[in-house]
N, C-alpha and C. Protein backbone atom coordinates (compact mmCIF):
# COMPACT_ATOMS: atom_id res chain seq x y z
N MET A 1 2.43 30.55 18.18
CA MET A 1 1.34 29.89 17.48
C MET A 1 -0.48 29.15 18.24
N ASN A 2 -0.79 30.48 18.38
CA ASN A 2 -1.77 30.12 18.75
C ASN A 2 -2.76 30.05 18.75
N TRP A 3 -2.85 29.54 17.05
CA TRP A 3 -3.79 28.39 16.64
C TRP A 3 -3.94 27.67 16.86
N LEU A 4 -2.65 27.16 17.04
CA LEU A 4 -2.41 25.31 17.44
C LEU A 4 -3.11 24.83 18.42
N SER A 5 -2.97 26.31 19.86
CA SER A 5 -2.82 26.53 21.23
C SER A 5 -4.53 26.35 21.10
N THR A 6 -5.42 26.75 20.09
CA THR A 6 -6.72 26.80 20.44
C THR A 6 -7.24 25.42 19.89
N LEU A 7 -6.24 24.66 19.45
CA LEU A 7 -7.15 23.98 17.93
C LEU A 7 -7.30 22.49 19.37
N LEU A 8 -5.66 23.00 19.86
CA LEU A 8 -5.63 21.72 20.57
C LEU A 8 -6.34 21.59 22.55
N GLY A 9 -6.80 23.04 22.39
CA GLY A 9 -8.17 23.54 23.32
C GLY A 9 -9.17 22.92 23.31
N ASN A 10 -9.68 22.90 21.70
CA ASN A 10 -10.99 22.52 21.93
C ASN A 10 -11.31 21.37 20.18
N LEU A 11 -10.84 19.83 21.00
CA LEU A 11 -10.51 18.51 20.51
C LEU A 11 -11.88 18.00 19.98
N ASN A 12 -12.23 17.97 18.62
CA ASN A 12 -13.42 17.03 18.49
C ASN A 12 -12.79 16.08 16.78
N TYR A 13 -13.86 15.60 16.40
CA TYR A 13 -13.03 14.92 15.14
C TYR A 13 -12.44 15.62 14.01
N GLY A 14 -13.15 16.68 13.69
CA GLY A 14 -12.49 17.76 13.14
C GLY A 14 -11.42 18.09 13.17
N THR A 15 -11.41 18.73 14.53
CA THR A 15 -9.65 19.37 14.65
C THR A 15 -9.09 18.13 15.00
N ILE A 16 -9.00 16.70 15.73
CA ILE A 16 -7.97 16.05 15.22
C ILE A 16 -7.89 15.41 14.01
N PHE A 17 -8.68 15.49 13.13
CA PHE A 17 -8.35 15.07 11.82
C PHE A 17 -7.08 15.75 11.15
N LEU A 18 -7.77 17.45 11.55
CA LEU A 18 -6.86 18.35 10.83
C LEU A 18 -5.35 18.27 11.83
N LEU A 19 -5.54 18.49 13.23
CA LEU A 19 -3.67 18.02 13.83
C LEU A 19 -3.14 16.87 13.79
N MET A 20 -3.72 15.95 12.67
CA MET A 20 -3.07 14.65 12.25
C MET A 20 -2.23 14.88 11.24
N LEU A 21 -3.09 15.43 10.67
CA LEU A 21 -2.75 15.82 8.83
C LEU A 21 -1.53 16.79 9.03
N LEU A 22 -1.97 17.43 10.27
CA LEU A 22 -0.60 18.50 9.61
C LEU A 22 0.78 18.50 10.56
N GLU A 23 0.16 17.34 11.67
CA GLU A 23 1.55 16.31 12.57
C GLU A 23 2.44 15.59 11.09
N SER A 24 2.14 14.66 10.36
CA SER A 24 1.97 13.76 9.36
C SER A 24 2.79 14.48 7.80
N THR A 25 2.74 16.06 8.09
CA THR A 25 3.21 16.73 7.11
C THR A 25 4.94 17.60 7.54
N VAL A 26 4.91 18.27 8.09
CA VAL A 26 6.06 18.86 8.30
C VAL A 26 6.30 19.66 9.44
N ILE A 27 4.51 19.75 10.16
CA ILE A 27 4.35 21.28 10.49
C ILE A 27 4.69 20.24 12.31
N PRO A 28 5.43 21.23 12.97
CA PRO A 28 5.42 20.62 14.47
C PRO A 28 4.00 20.34 15.13
N VAL A 29 3.86 19.03 15.27
CA VAL A 29 2.29 19.11 16.04
C VAL A 29 2.69 17.80 16.28
N PRO A 30 2.81 18.28 18.27
CA PRO A 30 3.06 16.96 18.56
C PRO A 30 1.80 15.92 18.96
N SER A 31 2.00 14.59 17.84
CA SER A 31 0.46 13.50 18.24
C SER A 31 0.50 13.32 19.81
N GLU A 32 1.14 12.83 20.44
CA GLU A 32 0.41 12.66 21.69
C GLU A 32 -0.23 13.71 22.42
N PHE A 33 -0.44 15.11 21.83
CA PHE A 33 -1.03 15.81 22.42
C PHE A 33 -2.31 15.79 21.98
N VAL A 34 -2.51 15.41 20.72
CA VAL A 34 -3.78 15.26 20.19
C VAL A 34 -4.96 14.07 20.80
N VAL A 35 -4.23 12.66 20.43
CA VAL A 35 -4.74 11.76 20.46
C VAL A 35 -4.76 11.49 21.95
N SER A 36 -3.91 11.21 22.80
CA SER A 36 -4.09 11.08 24.07
C SER A 36 -4.94 11.62 24.68
N PRO A 37 -4.78 12.86 24.90
CA PRO A 37 -6.17 14.28 25.27
C PRO A 37 -7.65 13.72 24.74
N ALA A 38 -7.32 13.36 23.48
CA ALA A 38 -9.19 13.15 22.51
C ALA A 38 -9.33 12.04 23.77
N ALA A 39 -8.46 10.97 23.51
CA ALA A 39 -8.65 9.74 24.27
C ALA A 39 -9.50 9.72 25.67
N TYR A 40 -8.71 10.62 26.48
CA TYR A 40 -8.87 10.75 27.78
C TYR A 40 -10.52 11.33 28.00
N HIS A 41 -10.96 12.37 26.70
CA HIS A 41 -12.05 12.95 27.26
C HIS A 41 -13.54 11.86 26.39
N ALA A 42 -12.93 10.76 25.15
CA ALA A 42 -13.22 10.10 25.33
C ALA A 42 -13.37 8.96 26.40
N ALA A 43 -13.08 8.73 27.05
CA ALA A 43 -13.34 7.87 28.40
C ALA A 43 -14.38 8.87 29.37
N GLY A 44 -14.18 9.64 29.51
CA GLY A 44 -15.22 10.31 29.62
C GLY A 44 -16.91 10.63 29.27
N GLY A 45 -16.88 10.27 28.11
CA GLY A 45 -18.13 10.28 27.22
C GLY A 45 -17.89 11.35 26.72
N ASN A 46 -17.25 11.84 26.25
CA ASN A 46 -17.46 12.83 25.40
C ASN A 46 -17.00 13.02 23.82
N LEU A 47 -16.57 11.81 23.93
CA LEU A 47 -15.94 11.69 22.17
C LEU A 47 -16.06 9.92 22.41
N ASP A 48 -15.89 9.36 21.19
CA ASP A 48 -16.11 8.04 20.89
C ASP A 48 -14.53 7.39 20.49
N ILE A 49 -14.19 6.67 21.38
CA ILE A 49 -12.22 6.52 21.15
C ILE A 49 -12.26 5.46 19.67
N TRP A 50 -13.41 5.03 19.29
CA TRP A 50 -12.98 4.26 18.04
C TRP A 50 -12.67 5.44 16.71
N LEU A 51 -13.88 6.77 16.81
CA LEU A 51 -13.79 7.62 16.38
C LEU A 51 -12.19 8.58 16.14
N VAL A 52 -12.18 8.38 17.53
CA VAL A 52 -10.79 9.27 17.67
C VAL A 52 -9.66 8.95 16.84
N ILE A 53 -9.80 6.88 17.05
CA ILE A 53 -8.86 6.63 16.10
C ILE A 53 -8.45 6.87 14.49
N LEU A 54 -9.84 6.68 14.05
CA LEU A 54 -10.13 6.41 13.27
C LEU A 54 -9.72 8.03 12.65
N PHE A 55 -10.22 9.35 12.77
CA PHE A 55 -9.81 9.73 12.14
C PHE A 55 -8.15 11.36 12.28
N ALA A 56 -7.89 10.28 13.13
CA ALA A 56 -6.50 10.52 13.57
C ALA A 56 -5.59 9.86 12.28
N THR A 57 -6.66 8.22 12.44
CA THR A 57 -5.51 7.90 11.27
C THR A 57 -5.62 8.17 9.77
N ILE A 58 -6.81 8.71 9.57
CA ILE A 58 -7.09 9.35 8.63
C ILE A 58 -6.15 10.69 8.39
N GLY A 59 -6.13 11.21 8.96
CA GLY A 59 -5.85 12.32 9.29
C GLY A 59 -4.23 12.98 8.47
N ALA A 60 -3.27 11.11 9.36
CA ALA A 60 -2.31 10.67 9.61
C ALA A 60 -2.08 10.58 7.65
N ASP A 61 -2.80 10.02 7.29
CA ASP A 61 -3.07 9.32 5.98
C ASP A 61 -2.88 10.40 4.57
N CYS A 62 -3.54 11.51 5.19
CA CYS A 62 -3.92 12.40 4.29
C CYS A 62 -2.27 13.00 4.08
N GLY A 63 -1.95 13.51 5.44
CA GLY A 63 -0.38 13.95 5.93
C GLY A 63 0.85 13.76 5.05
N ALA A 64 0.55 12.14 5.22
CA ALA A 64 1.47 11.51 4.71
C ALA A 64 1.08 11.28 2.96
N THR A 65 0.22 11.61 2.94
CA THR A 65 -0.23 11.51 1.01
C THR A 65 0.34 12.80 0.53
N ILE A 66 0.40 14.25 1.44
CA ILE A 66 1.42 15.26 1.27
C ILE A 66 2.44 15.23 0.85
N ASN A 67 3.16 14.51 1.74
CA ASN A 67 4.87 14.57 1.92
C ASN A 67 5.17 13.52 0.71
N TYR A 68 4.44 12.37 1.13
CA TYR A 68 4.88 11.15 -0.69
C TYR A 68 4.77 12.43 -1.72
N LEU A 69 3.73 13.01 -2.13
CA LEU A 69 3.53 13.83 -3.69
C LEU A 69 5.09 14.19 -3.51
N ALA A 70 4.66 15.27 -2.33
CA ALA A 70 6.11 16.17 -2.55
C ALA A 70 7.61 15.78 -3.44
N GLY A 71 7.90 14.54 -2.31
CA GLY A 71 9.20 13.98 -2.46
C GLY A 71 9.02 13.20 -4.41
N HIS A 72 7.60 12.66 -4.43
CA HIS A 72 7.45 12.21 -5.74
C HIS A 72 7.72 13.09 -6.81
N TYR A 73 6.62 14.30 -6.97
CA TYR A 73 6.96 14.91 -7.74
C TYR A 73 8.45 16.26 -7.90
N LEU A 74 8.48 17.05 -6.57
CA LEU A 74 9.42 17.89 -6.89
C LEU A 74 10.71 17.21 -6.35
N GLY A 75 10.72 16.59 -6.14
CA GLY A 75 12.09 15.72 -6.35
C GLY A 75 13.18 15.98 -5.14
N ARG A 76 14.69 15.79 -5.08
CA ARG A 76 15.43 15.68 -3.44
C ARG A 76 16.07 17.23 -3.67
N PRO A 77 16.61 17.74 -4.60
CA PRO A 77 16.46 19.23 -4.65
C PRO A 77 15.66 20.42 -3.80
N ILE A 78 14.42 19.79 -4.69
CA ILE A 78 13.39 21.33 -4.14
C ILE A 78 13.40 20.91 -2.09
N ILE A 79 13.43 19.58 -2.27
CA ILE A 79 13.15 18.82 -1.03
C ILE A 79 13.83 19.45 -0.09
N TYR A 80 15.46 19.59 -0.13
CA TYR A 80 16.42 19.71 0.50
C TYR A 80 16.24 21.55 0.83
N ARG A 81 16.33 22.14 -0.65
CA ARG A 81 16.33 23.49 -0.76
C ARG A 81 15.03 23.73 0.29
N PHE A 82 13.98 23.83 0.63
CA PHE A 82 13.07 23.34 1.47
C PHE A 82 13.48 23.51 3.04
N ALA A 83 13.57 22.43 3.31
CA ALA A 83 14.24 22.05 4.00
C ALA A 83 15.63 23.00 5.18
N ASN A 84 16.27 23.35 4.23
CA ASN A 84 17.29 24.73 4.38
C ASN A 84 16.78 25.64 4.34
N SER A 85 15.37 26.59 4.26
CA SER A 85 14.80 27.44 4.18
C SER A 85 14.93 27.24 5.73
N LYS A 86 14.59 29.52 5.84
CA LYS A 86 13.97 29.78 6.84
C LYS A 86 12.36 29.39 7.05
N TRP A 87 11.11 29.18 6.11
CA TRP A 87 10.50 28.16 6.39
C TRP A 87 10.35 26.83 6.68
N GLY A 88 11.89 25.98 6.50
CA GLY A 88 11.74 24.62 6.42
C GLY A 88 12.20 25.10 8.15
N LYS A 89 13.20 26.02 8.25
CA LYS A 89 13.13 25.71 10.32
C LYS A 89 12.71 26.22 11.00
N MET A 90 11.02 27.10 10.52
CA MET A 90 10.44 27.68 11.09
C MET A 90 9.77 25.66 11.88
N CYS A 91 9.68 24.67 10.99
CA CYS A 91 8.73 23.85 11.05
C CYS A 91 9.69 22.19 11.45
N LEU A 92 10.93 22.99 12.31
CA LEU A 92 12.05 22.27 13.63
C LEU A 92 12.54 21.57 11.70
N LEU A 93 12.94 21.60 10.87
CA LEU A 93 13.29 20.72 9.72
C LEU A 93 14.76 20.95 9.32
N ASN A 94 15.49 20.38 8.99
CA ASN A 94 16.67 20.34 7.88
C ASN A 94 16.97 19.57 6.79
N GLN A 95 17.90 19.39 6.30
CA GLN A 95 18.58 18.41 5.85
C GLN A 95 18.92 17.13 6.60
N GLN A 96 19.34 17.59 7.25
CA GLN A 96 20.58 16.01 7.92
C GLN A 96 19.00 15.42 8.84
N LYS A 97 17.63 15.76 9.17
CA LYS A 97 16.59 15.25 9.46
C LYS A 97 16.17 14.84 8.30
N VAL A 98 16.67 15.20 6.72
CA VAL A 98 15.53 14.50 5.91
C VAL A 98 16.54 13.19 5.48
N GLU A 99 17.63 13.53 5.29
CA GLU A 99 18.92 12.69 5.40
C GLU A 99 18.65 11.37 6.42
N LYS A 100 18.28 11.56 7.06
CA LYS A 100 17.86 10.43 8.26
C LYS A 100 16.65 9.90 7.80
N SER A 101 16.16 9.98 7.83
CA SER A 101 14.71 9.65 7.32
C SER A 101 15.03 9.07 6.32
N GLU A 102 15.73 9.01 5.18
CA GLU A 102 16.15 9.08 3.76
C GLU A 102 17.15 7.58 4.25
N LYS A 103 17.80 7.61 4.97
CA LYS A 103 18.71 6.65 4.72
C LYS A 103 17.76 5.26 6.03
N TYR A 104 16.76 5.89 6.61
CA TYR A 104 16.27 4.79 7.13
C TYR A 104 15.28 3.69 6.10
N PHE A 105 14.70 4.68 5.57
CA PHE A 105 13.95 3.81 4.11
C PHE A 105 14.97 3.27 3.64
N TYR A 106 16.08 3.66 2.79
CA TYR A 106 16.54 2.41 1.92
C TYR A 106 17.68 1.44 2.62
N ASP A 107 17.85 1.85 4.46
CA ASP A 107 18.26 0.39 4.95
C ASP A 107 17.56 -0.99 4.57
N HIS A 108 16.15 -0.11 5.57
CA HIS A 108 15.17 -1.37 5.41
C HIS A 108 13.72 -1.66 4.70
N GLY A 109 14.01 -0.72 3.46
CA GLY A 109 13.17 -0.85 2.71
C GLY A 109 11.83 -0.72 2.79
N MET A 110 10.35 -1.35 2.29
CA MET A 110 9.24 -1.04 2.07
C MET A 110 8.46 -1.03 4.17
N ILE A 111 8.75 -2.34 4.73
CA ILE A 111 9.44 -2.28 5.50
C ILE A 111 9.32 -0.92 6.82
N ALA A 112 10.03 -0.15 6.18
CA ALA A 112 10.67 1.13 7.07
C ALA A 112 9.08 1.62 7.51
N THR A 113 8.19 1.96 5.90
CA THR A 113 7.29 2.78 6.06
C THR A 113 6.25 2.41 7.46
N ILE A 114 6.37 0.86 7.68
CA ILE A 114 5.12 0.70 8.59
C ILE A 114 5.82 1.45 10.11
N THR A 115 7.52 0.58 10.37
CA THR A 115 8.14 1.14 11.48
C THR A 115 8.46 2.68 11.79
N GLY A 116 8.79 3.40 10.97
CA GLY A 116 9.13 4.74 10.75
C GLY A 116 8.07 5.49 11.28
N ARG A 117 6.52 4.92 11.03
CA ARG A 117 5.50 5.78 11.37
C ARG A 117 6.21 5.74 13.29
N LEU A 118 6.63 5.11 13.50
CA LEU A 118 6.80 4.39 15.23
C LEU A 118 7.87 5.19 15.91
N ILE A 119 8.80 5.96 14.94
CA ILE A 119 10.08 6.11 15.56
C ILE A 119 9.97 7.78 15.48
N PRO A 120 9.51 8.67 17.10
CA PRO A 120 10.58 10.10 16.45
C PRO A 120 11.59 9.99 15.98
N GLY A 121 10.84 11.79 15.82
CA GLY A 121 12.07 11.94 14.47
C GLY A 121 12.03 11.89 13.15
N ILE A 122 11.14 10.43 12.80
CA ILE A 122 11.10 10.10 11.25
C ILE A 122 9.84 9.96 11.15
N ARG A 123 9.04 9.87 11.77
CA ARG A 123 7.64 9.27 11.77
C ARG A 123 7.25 10.11 10.95
N HIS A 124 7.21 11.60 11.25
CA HIS A 124 6.68 12.57 9.89
C HIS A 124 7.03 12.51 8.72
N LEU A 125 8.56 12.27 8.44
CA LEU A 125 9.31 12.35 7.49
C LEU A 125 9.51 11.41 6.47
N ILE A 126 9.31 10.16 7.08
CA ILE A 126 9.53 8.54 6.54
C ILE A 126 8.82 8.67 4.64
N SER A 127 7.32 9.45 4.85
CA SER A 127 6.69 9.35 3.56
C SER A 127 7.59 9.50 2.68
N ILE A 128 8.78 11.22 2.44
CA ILE A 128 9.39 11.84 1.54
C ILE A 128 10.06 10.89 1.18
N PRO A 129 10.75 10.31 1.52
CA PRO A 129 11.68 9.04 0.80
C PRO A 129 10.50 7.78 0.24
N ALA A 130 9.88 7.50 0.57
CA ALA A 130 8.72 6.93 -0.23
C ALA A 130 8.09 7.87 -1.53
N GLY A 131 8.27 8.71 -1.52
CA GLY A 131 7.98 9.36 -2.72
C GLY A 131 9.02 9.56 -3.69
N LEU A 132 10.35 10.09 -2.86
CA LEU A 132 11.16 9.92 -3.69
C LEU A 132 11.57 8.85 -4.57
N ALA A 133 11.55 7.82 -3.76
CA ALA A 133 11.97 6.26 -4.48
C ALA A 133 10.40 5.44 -5.39
N LYS A 134 9.48 6.82 -5.30
CA LYS A 134 8.56 5.98 -6.57
C LYS A 134 7.69 4.86 -5.44
N MET A 135 7.69 4.94 -4.36
CA MET A 135 7.02 3.78 -4.28
C MET A 135 5.15 3.49 -4.59
N ASN A 136 5.30 2.17 -5.08
CA ASN A 136 3.83 2.10 -5.32
C ASN A 136 2.84 3.04 -3.93
N TYR A 137 2.05 3.82 -4.62
CA TYR A 137 1.04 4.51 -3.48
C TYR A 137 0.17 3.75 -2.49
N TRP A 138 -0.20 2.55 -3.11
CA TRP A 138 -1.09 1.97 -2.46
C TRP A 138 -0.80 1.06 -1.49
N LYS A 139 0.68 0.52 -1.98
CA LYS A 139 1.57 -0.47 -1.11
C LYS A 139 1.97 0.99 0.36
N PHE A 140 1.80 2.25 -0.55
CA PHE A 140 2.60 3.23 0.71
C PHE A 140 1.41 3.65 1.63
N LEU A 141 0.15 3.42 1.18
CA LEU A 141 -1.17 4.14 1.88
C LEU A 141 -1.38 3.11 3.07
N LEU A 142 -1.40 1.62 2.46
CA LEU A 142 -1.75 0.37 3.65
C LEU A 142 -0.84 0.78 4.58
N TYR A 143 0.25 0.53 4.40
CA TYR A 143 1.91 0.15 5.29
C TYR A 143 1.78 1.80 6.26
N THR A 144 1.47 2.93 5.80
CA THR A 144 1.18 4.26 6.72
C THR A 144 -0.14 3.74 7.61
N THR A 145 -1.01 3.44 7.00
CA THR A 145 -2.51 3.06 7.83
C THR A 145 -2.70 2.20 8.46
N ILE A 146 -0.96 0.69 8.12
CA ILE A 146 -0.89 0.30 9.57
C ILE A 146 -0.41 0.64 10.74
N GLY A 147 1.16 1.18 10.02
CA GLY A 147 2.05 1.71 10.71
C GLY A 147 1.09 3.47 11.97
N ALA A 148 0.46 4.49 11.10
CA ALA A 148 0.06 5.36 11.41
C ALA A 148 -0.93 5.06 12.72
N GLY A 149 -2.30 3.40 12.03
CA GLY A 149 -3.42 3.08 13.25
C GLY A 149 -2.60 2.76 14.17
N ALA A 150 -1.55 2.07 13.84
CA ALA A 150 -0.54 1.24 15.73
C ALA A 150 -0.38 2.61 16.39
N TRP A 151 0.03 3.77 16.23
CA TRP A 151 0.94 4.73 16.75
C TRP A 151 -0.31 4.95 17.72
N ASN A 152 -1.47 5.35 16.82
CA ASN A 152 -2.82 6.44 17.87
C ASN A 152 -3.37 4.91 18.35
N CYS A 153 -3.25 3.91 18.37
CA CYS A 153 -4.19 3.05 19.20
C CYS A 153 -3.20 3.37 20.09
N ILE A 154 -1.85 2.90 20.35
CA ILE A 154 -0.91 3.48 21.57
C ILE A 154 -1.33 4.82 22.22
N LEU A 155 -1.41 5.75 21.44
CA LEU A 155 -2.07 7.07 22.16
C LEU A 155 -2.90 6.90 22.68
N ALA A 156 -4.22 6.46 21.96
CA ALA A 156 -5.44 6.08 22.79
C ALA A 156 -5.23 5.70 23.76
N ALA A 157 -4.30 4.44 23.70
CA ALA A 157 -4.74 3.68 24.96
C ALA A 157 -4.39 4.05 26.66
N LEU A 158 -3.10 5.00 25.81
CA LEU A 158 -2.49 5.60 27.09
C LEU A 158 -3.73 6.97 27.82
N GLY A 159 -3.89 7.55 26.81
CA GLY A 159 -5.15 8.56 27.65
C GLY A 159 -6.79 8.08 27.99
N TRP A 160 -6.92 6.96 27.47
CA TRP A 160 -8.42 6.14 27.93
C TRP A 160 -7.91 5.91 29.43
N TYR A 161 -6.11 5.64 29.63
CA TYR A 161 -5.49 5.12 30.92
C TYR A 161 -5.72 6.30 32.24
N LEU A 162 -4.59 7.57 31.76
CA LEU A 162 -5.10 8.35 32.63
C LEU A 162 -6.18 8.95 32.95
N HIS A 163 -7.22 8.75 32.12
CA HIS A 163 -8.99 9.34 32.50
C HIS A 163 -9.11 8.62 34.15
N SER A 164 -8.42 7.45 34.94
CA SER A 164 -9.14 6.94 35.47
C SER A 164 -7.78 7.14 36.84
N ALA A 165 -6.58 7.68 36.33
CA ALA A 165 -5.16 7.64 36.91
C ALA A 165 -5.01 9.26 37.66
N VAL A 166 -5.27 10.17 36.60
CA VAL A 166 -5.01 11.64 37.06
C VAL A 166 -5.98 12.54 36.49
N PRO A 167 -5.97 13.35 37.35
CA PRO A 167 -7.53 14.93 37.11
C PRO A 167 -6.53 15.55 36.02
N GLU A 168 -7.95 16.17 34.93
CA GLU A 168 -7.37 16.95 33.57
C GLU A 168 -6.30 17.63 34.33
N ASP A 169 -5.99 18.79 34.87
CA ASP A 169 -4.52 19.85 35.25
C ASP A 169 -3.69 19.37 35.00
N GLN A 170 -3.38 17.83 35.62
CA GLN A 170 -2.48 17.18 35.19
C GLN A 170 -2.19 15.91 33.90
N LEU A 171 -2.96 16.23 33.26
CA LEU A 171 -2.96 15.22 32.03
C LEU A 171 -1.34 15.82 31.18
N THR A 172 -1.31 17.32 30.88
CA THR A 172 -0.51 16.95 30.10
C THR A 172 1.18 16.67 30.27
N GLU A 173 1.50 16.95 31.65
CA GLU A 173 2.98 16.65 32.33
C GLU A 173 2.55 14.93 32.28
N LYS A 174 1.34 14.17 32.37
CA LYS A 174 1.70 12.60 32.64
C LYS A 174 2.02 12.07 31.22
N ILE A 175 0.87 12.56 30.15
CA ILE A 175 1.26 12.70 28.51
C ILE A 175 2.55 11.93 28.21
N ALA A 176 3.68 13.53 29.10
CA ALA A 176 4.68 13.96 28.35
C ALA A 176 6.06 13.00 28.97
N GLU A 177 5.27 12.34 29.87
CA GLU A 177 6.31 12.02 31.09
C GLU A 177 6.07 10.06 30.84
N TYR A 178 4.90 9.84 30.07
CA TYR A 178 4.61 8.11 29.84
C TYR A 178 4.71 8.23 28.50
N GLY A 179 4.97 9.17 27.70
CA GLY A 179 5.36 9.52 26.09
C GLY A 179 6.95 9.33 26.01
N GLU A 180 7.98 9.44 27.12
CA GLU A 180 9.30 8.92 26.68
C GLU A 180 8.75 7.52 27.49
N TYR A 181 8.00 6.94 28.04
CA TYR A 181 8.61 5.53 28.25
C TYR A 181 7.98 5.03 27.07
N ILE A 182 6.76 5.49 26.74
CA ILE A 182 6.65 4.29 25.31
C ILE A 182 7.31 5.04 23.73
N LYS A 183 7.99 5.75 23.84
CA LYS A 183 9.23 5.93 22.94
C LYS A 183 10.45 4.85 22.58
N VAL A 184 10.34 5.01 24.00
CA VAL A 184 12.07 3.56 24.31
C VAL A 184 11.50 2.47 23.81
N PHE A 185 10.26 1.97 24.70
CA PHE A 185 9.27 1.02 24.63
C PHE A 185 9.31 0.45 22.81
N ILE A 186 8.74 1.56 22.08
CA ILE A 186 8.88 1.30 20.67
C ILE A 186 10.09 1.07 19.90
N LEU A 187 11.03 2.00 20.28
CA LEU A 187 12.34 1.72 19.53
C LEU A 187 12.91 0.38 19.80
N ILE A 188 12.76 -0.17 21.25
CA ILE A 188 13.04 -1.49 21.41
C ILE A 188 12.30 -2.57 20.29
N ALA A 189 10.94 -2.56 20.31
CA ALA A 189 10.25 -3.21 19.30
C ALA A 189 10.58 -2.82 17.77
N VAL A 190 11.21 -1.47 17.81
CA VAL A 190 10.90 -1.96 16.44
C VAL A 190 12.27 -2.52 15.95
N VAL A 191 13.66 -2.60 17.11
CA VAL A 191 14.94 -2.86 16.13
C VAL A 191 14.82 -4.51 16.58
N ILE A 192 13.80 -4.66 17.65
CA ILE A 192 13.24 -6.45 17.56
C ILE A 192 13.01 -6.99 16.20
N ALA A 193 11.94 -6.23 15.35
CA ALA A 193 11.03 -6.43 14.21
C ALA A 193 11.73 -6.36 13.42
N ILE A 194 12.74 -5.54 13.16
CA ILE A 194 13.67 -5.32 12.22
C ILE A 194 15.05 -6.12 11.91
N VAL A 195 15.43 -6.48 13.03
CA VAL A 195 16.11 -8.13 13.22
C VAL A 195 15.90 -9.29 12.76
N TYR A 196 14.40 -9.45 13.06
CA TYR A 196 13.38 -10.59 12.78
C TYR A 196 13.69 -10.61 11.29
N PHE A 197 13.31 -9.19 10.51
CA PHE A 197 12.89 -9.61 9.22
C PHE A 197 14.02 -9.52 8.54
N VAL A 198 15.04 -9.28 8.92
CA VAL A 198 17.04 -9.90 8.82
C VAL A 198 17.23 -10.94 8.70
N LEU A 199 17.01 -11.36 9.64
CA LEU A 199 17.53 -13.28 9.65
C LEU A 199 16.13 -13.85 9.07
N LYS A 200 15.03 -13.36 9.15
CA LYS A 200 14.37 -13.98 8.37
C LYS A 200 14.57 -14.07 6.72
N TRP A 201 15.05 -12.96 6.01
CA TRP A 201 15.43 -12.53 5.18
C TRP A 201 17.00 -13.57 4.47
N TYR A 202 17.67 -12.61 5.64
CA TYR A 202 18.96 -13.82 5.33
C TYR A 202 18.66 -15.57 5.19
N PHE A 203 18.41 -15.83 5.46
CA PHE A 203 17.88 -18.17 6.27
C PHE A 203 17.45 -17.80 5.04
N LYS A 204 16.37 -16.89 5.02
CA LYS A 204 15.45 -17.46 3.60
C LYS A 204 16.45 -17.36 1.89
N ARG A 205 17.27 -16.21 1.81
CA ARG A 205 18.12 -16.64 0.80
C ARG A 205 19.30 -17.50 0.84
N LYS A 206 19.88 -17.85 2.47
CA LYS A 206 20.81 -18.71 2.23
C LYS A 206 20.23 -20.40 1.67
N LYS A 207 18.90 -20.35 2.27
CA LYS A 207 18.70 -21.19 2.25
C LYS A 207 17.79 -22.08 0.23
N HIS A 208 17.50 -21.03 -0.67
CA HIS A 208 17.59 -21.10 -1.64
C HIS A 208 19.26 -21.33 -2.83
N ALA A 209 19.66 -20.39 -1.77
CA ALA A 209 21.61 -20.25 -2.51
C ALA A 209 21.93 -21.79 -2.53
């Protein structure tokens, strides 16, 4: 994908928006190699860190909306057919991944739209089951913005920190290294959040009973 390498090598607000839009559909664009390098350059004075986060989040919202509309209007059979097709495999997609995101959505309800944006492997697909479930679009957009915004802030903070810690020729390697730590931390945080909301719901229900 030479075009992808070209865009990643020429980050500006427009390419940040476009790449994050693609990342939130089914195109395999790693968000950590978009937002973190952009924040790295922002720390050097070449971009504005808040605009990096803003355009990344708007791009994520637009990409997520595409997936939401696909789920809402095309339905499960067509989504699965695409996931199992040659084009789906080119996008590193398969039916099992879509089913995994569906299960996560139905197990955790609307909160999954926020937390799902933070979980690797589910982040870019969680919008599909939201569309399949005919979730209210404005609630979906709000939760997506919160989740995507939080994720982009984390990635931006990483890039900003790395500017003072590593030279640019080591940036990609360090993003990959720190990215793994971040994923583990986020998974733990998401599990804690889910347990908290489940317990809160349980005790509230028990109290009313």
